[in-house]
Amino acid sequence: MSEERIIPTPQGEGRLVTKRARHPIGTLLLSHGAGGGIDARDLLALERRLPGQGITVMRFEQPWRRAGRKVATPPATLDEAFRAAADSIRVRTPLVVGGRSAGARSAARCARDLAAVGCLALSFPLYPPGRPEKSRLDELADVGVPTLVVQGERDPMGRPEEFPSPLPGQVDLSVVPAADHGLGVPKRADLTEDDAMEIVVESTLEWLVREVLGNERR
């Protein structure tokens, strides 16, 4: 069962929903995108599956979303609230930060300051819609910790082939075939939404064990 609590931040009240692993080996703190909330399909899939593998999952709802606003506040305010959420938790296991879309960008910007051992970037918006010249690659290059980008094959804010090869620093890329920015797949696709979420979960778990938590336990 998930636990909920309100988190005071400089931007107002946020909400933290936690599903704990019985014998935790790591903690994953996630935030949502600029157009949705913590009930996004990928965040829920990770919450359902990872605690059974020893990863406590925390989903942080930004103050703007909790206040009922339709549009996210500026990036600096997202970072401020995300840092407050991270500071409010007391964990004895290694911390991995992440999120989807705008939440992925925020986690990438905050990871090093929060002493995170990894960063999970779901549907990283490589550029604003229709503006490929406005690259945000520098945010990935500057993370400073092992990072996994999970990207839909049809993401209009950065298709997998638009990321450089090789990727900068310690960044890995996992592709969800036929998926869009929300990691949804069309009905005509060769895989179902459940299949797509299985790719998200399995690629995340494999990366956590191989690149992040495995190193911490050696």
Protein backbone atom coordinates (compact mmCIF):
# COMPACT_ATOMS: atom_id res chain seq x y z
CA MET A 1 0.00 0.00 0.00
CA SER A 2 1.21 3.51 -0.80
CA GLU A 3 1.77 6.22 1.81
CA GLU A 4 1.01 9.89 1.18
CA ARG A 5 2.24 13.04 2.86
CA ILE A 6 2.29 16.75 2.14
CA ILE A 7 5.69 18.33 1.53
CA PRO A 8 6.19 22.04 2.27
CA THR A 9 8.36 23.71 -0.37
CA PRO A 10 9.28 27.33 -1.17
CA GLN A 11 6.76 27.06 -4.03
CA GLY A 12 3.87 25.82 -1.91
CA GLU A 13 2.72 22.39 -0.85
CA GLY A 14 3.74 19.35 -2.83
CA ARG A 15 2.62 15.76 -2.32
CA LEU A 16 4.79 12.69 -1.94
CA VAL A 17 3.36 9.22 -2.61
CA THR A 18 5.62 6.39 -1.46
CA LYS A 19 5.48 2.65 -2.05
CA ARG A 20 8.17 0.99 0.02
CA ALA A 21 10.17 -2.12 -0.71
CA ARG A 22 10.15 -4.63 2.12
CA HIS A 23 13.94 -5.02 2.02
CA PRO A 24 15.09 -1.90 0.16
CA ILE A 25 18.37 -1.69 -1.69
CA GLY A 26 17.61 1.68 -3.32
CA THR A 27 15.17 4.58 -3.47
CA LEU A 28 13.80 6.14 -6.67
CA LEU A 29 12.35 9.66 -6.38
CA LEU A 30 10.30 10.65 -9.44
CA SER A 31 8.42 13.73 -10.58
CA HIS A 32 5.97 14.31 -13.40
CA GLY A 33 5.80 16.34 -16.61
CA ALA A 34 4.52 19.82 -17.37
CA GLY A 35 1.22 18.57 -18.79
CA GLY A 36 0.34 15.73 -16.46
CA GLY A 37 0.69 14.37 -12.96
CA ILE A 38 2.13 11.52 -10.96
CA ASP A 39 -0.48 9.11 -12.30
CA ALA A 40 1.27 8.91 -15.67
CA ARG A 41 1.37 5.34 -16.98
CA ASP A 42 5.14 4.97 -16.75
CA LEU A 43 5.40 6.32 -13.21
CA LEU A 44 2.63 3.99 -12.07
CA ALA A 45 4.25 1.03 -13.80
CA LEU A 46 7.49 1.67 -11.95
CA GLU A 47 5.63 2.02 -8.65
CA ARG A 48 3.82 -1.27 -9.20
CA ARG A 49 6.87 -3.32 -10.11
CA LEU A 50 10.05 -1.97 -8.57
CA PRO A 51 9.24 -2.30 -4.85
CA GLY A 52 9.03 -6.07 -5.34
CA GLN A 53 12.62 -5.89 -6.60
CA GLY A 54 13.90 -3.95 -3.61
CA ILE A 55 13.45 -0.40 -4.93
CA THR A 56 11.29 2.00 -2.92
CA VAL A 57 9.45 4.31 -5.34
CA MET A 58 8.45 7.87 -4.40
CA ARG A 59 6.31 9.99 -6.74
CA PHE A 60 6.44 13.73 -6.09
CA GLU A 61 3.56 15.95 -7.19
CA GLN A 62 4.78 19.48 -7.83
CA PRO A 63 3.05 22.37 -6.00
CA TRP A 64 1.68 23.86 -9.23
CA ARG A 65 -0.13 20.61 -9.97
CA ARG A 66 -1.40 20.19 -6.43
CA ALA A 67 -2.74 23.77 -6.55
CA GLY A 68 -4.83 22.90 -9.62
CA ARG A 69 -2.93 24.96 -12.17
CA LYS A 70 -2.99 23.83 -15.80
CA VAL A 71 0.54 24.91 -16.71
CA ALA A 72 3.81 24.21 -14.94
CA THR A 73 5.74 27.01 -13.28
CA PRO A 74 9.25 27.96 -14.58
CA PRO A 75 12.06 25.37 -14.47
CA ALA A 76 13.87 26.98 -11.54
CA THR A 77 10.75 26.64 -9.38
CA LEU A 78 10.40 22.96 -10.32
CA ASP A 79 13.99 22.38 -9.23
CA GLU A 80 13.43 24.22 -5.95
CA ALA A 81 10.40 22.13 -5.07
CA PHE A 82 12.07 18.89 -6.17
CA ARG A 83 15.06 19.63 -3.96
CA ALA A 84 12.72 20.29 -1.05
CA ALA A 85 11.07 16.92 -1.63
CA ALA A 86 14.45 15.18 -1.70
CA ASP A 87 15.56 16.99 1.45
CA SER A 88 12.39 15.87 3.24
CA ILE A 89 13.10 12.16 2.86
CA ARG A 90 15.46 10.22 5.04
CA VAL A 91 16.68 7.08 3.34
CA ARG A 92 19.48 4.71 4.20
CA THR A 93 19.72 3.34 0.68
CA PRO A 94 21.28 4.98 -2.39
CA LEU A 95 19.05 7.67 -3.93
CA VAL A 96 18.22 7.73 -7.64
CA VAL A 97 16.29 10.75 -8.94
CA GLY A 98 14.20 10.93 -12.06
CA GLY A 99 10.97 11.86 -13.71
CA ARG A 100 9.20 12.19 -17.00
CA SER A 101 9.55 15.07 -19.47
CA ALA A 102 9.90 18.31 -17.45
CA GLY A 103 10.43 16.14 -14.39
CA ALA A 104 13.29 14.38 -16.15
CA ARG A 105 14.93 17.72 -16.91
CA SER A 106 14.54 18.84 -13.31
CA ALA A 107 16.05 15.61 -11.99
CA ALA A 108 18.98 15.95 -14.38
CA ARG A 109 19.66 19.49 -13.18
CA CYS A 110 19.38 18.53 -9.49
CA ALA A 111 20.99 15.08 -9.37
CA ARG A 112 24.50 16.09 -8.43
CA ASP A 113 23.42 18.61 -5.76
CA LEU A 114 21.21 15.95 -4.18
CA ALA A 115 24.08 13.43 -4.03
CA ALA A 116 22.04 11.03 -6.16
CA VAL A 117 23.82 7.99 -7.53
CA GLY A 118 21.77 7.92 -10.74
CA CYS A 119 19.20 9.75 -12.85
CA LEU A 120 16.25 8.23 -14.73
CA ALA A 121 14.97 10.42 -17.58
CA LEU A 122 11.67 9.21 -19.01
CA SER A 123 10.70 10.90 -22.29
CA PHE A 124 13.44 13.50 -22.03
CA PRO A 125 12.32 16.55 -24.07
CA LEU A 126 15.46 17.04 -26.14
CA TYR A 127 13.95 20.23 -27.56
CA PRO A 128 10.67 22.17 -27.33
CA PRO A 129 7.91 21.00 -29.72
CA GLY A 130 8.85 21.93 -33.27
CA ARG A 131 12.11 23.62 -32.20
CA PRO A 132 14.92 21.08 -32.77
CA GLU A 133 17.45 23.93 -32.93
CA LYS A 134 16.81 24.59 -29.20
CA SER A 135 18.65 21.54 -27.93
CA ARG A 136 18.65 20.67 -24.23
CA LEU A 137 21.41 18.10 -24.60
CA ASP A 138 23.62 20.08 -22.24
CA GLU A 139 21.31 19.15 -19.35
CA LEU A 140 22.06 15.47 -19.97
CA ALA A 141 25.76 16.08 -20.54
CA ASP A 142 26.06 17.91 -17.22
CA VAL A 143 24.21 15.41 -15.00
CA GLY A 144 27.43 14.00 -13.57
CA VAL A 145 25.97 10.62 -12.53
CA PRO A 146 24.92 7.51 -14.50
CA THR A 147 21.76 8.40 -16.43
CA LEU A 148 19.21 6.33 -18.34
CA VAL A 149 17.02 7.98 -20.96
CA VAL A 150 13.90 5.95 -21.84
CA GLN A 151 12.56 7.40 -25.08
CA GLY A 152 9.61 6.63 -27.31
CA GLU A 153 10.45 5.85 -30.93
CA ARG A 154 7.96 8.50 -32.11
CA ASP A 155 8.60 11.17 -29.47
CA PRO A 156 8.02 14.57 -31.16
CA MET A 157 10.34 16.25 -28.66
CA GLY A 158 13.28 14.06 -29.51
CA ARG A 159 13.27 10.78 -31.41
CA PRO A 160 16.00 8.32 -30.41
CA GLU A 161 17.95 8.89 -33.62
CA GLU A 162 18.12 12.61 -32.83
CA PHE A 163 20.23 11.94 -29.76
CA PRO A 164 23.97 11.95 -30.51
CA SER A 165 25.94 8.75 -30.85
CA PRO A 166 27.84 8.20 -28.68
CA LEU A 167 25.79 9.81 -25.95
CA PRO A 168 27.61 12.25 -23.66
CA GLY A 169 29.11 11.24 -20.34
CA GLN A 170 27.48 8.35 -18.51
CA VAL A 171 24.19 8.45 -20.42
CA ASP A 172 22.47 5.31 -21.74
CA LEU A 173 19.43 5.20 -24.03
CA SER A 174 16.57 2.69 -24.06
CA VAL A 175 13.98 2.86 -26.85
CA VAL A 176 10.28 1.98 -26.57
CA PRO A 177 9.18 0.98 -30.10
CA ALA A 178 6.25 2.91 -31.63
CA ALA A 179 5.77 4.96 -28.44
CA ASP A 180 5.03 8.70 -28.33
CA HIS A 181 6.04 11.29 -25.72
CA GLY A 182 3.61 9.80 -23.20
CA LEU A 183 5.07 6.36 -24.00
CA GLY A 184 1.70 5.35 -25.39
CA VAL A 185 1.54 3.15 -28.47
CA PRO A 186 -1.08 3.15 -31.27
CA LYS A 187 -3.51 0.26 -31.56
CA ARG A 188 -1.95 -0.80 -34.85
CA ALA A 189 1.49 -1.22 -33.26
CA ASP A 190 3.14 -4.62 -32.88
CA LEU A 191 3.21 -4.20 -29.10
CA THR A 192 0.58 -3.32 -26.53
CA GLU A 193 0.68 -0.63 -23.87
CA ASP A 194 1.46 -3.37 -21.33
CA ASP A 195 4.39 -4.43 -23.52
CA ALA A 196 5.62 -0.83 -23.65
CA MET A 197 5.46 -0.50 -19.86
CA GLU A 198 7.29 -3.80 -19.50
CA ILE A 199 10.14 -2.31 -21.55
CA VAL A 200 10.17 0.76 -19.30
CA VAL A 201 10.29 -1.32 -16.13
CA GLU A 202 12.75 -3.94 -17.32
CA SER A 203 15.19 -1.46 -18.86
CA THR A 204 15.06 0.65 -15.70
CA LEU A 205 15.62 -2.32 -13.41
CA GLU A 206 18.45 -3.71 -15.53
CA TRP A 207 20.17 -0.30 -15.60
CA LEU A 208 19.73 0.18 -11.85
CA VAL A 209 21.37 -3.14 -11.10
CA ARG A 210 24.11 -2.85 -13.73
CA GLU A 211 25.12 0.81 -13.57
CA VAL A 212 23.92 2.22 -10.26
CA LEU A 213 23.04 0.01 -7.32
CA GLY A 214 25.42 -2.76 -8.31
CA ASN A 215 28.33 -0.34 -8.13
CA GLU A 216 27.15 0.96 -4.76
CA ARG A 217 27.09 -2.52 -3.27
CA ARG A 218 30.56 -3.56 -4.47
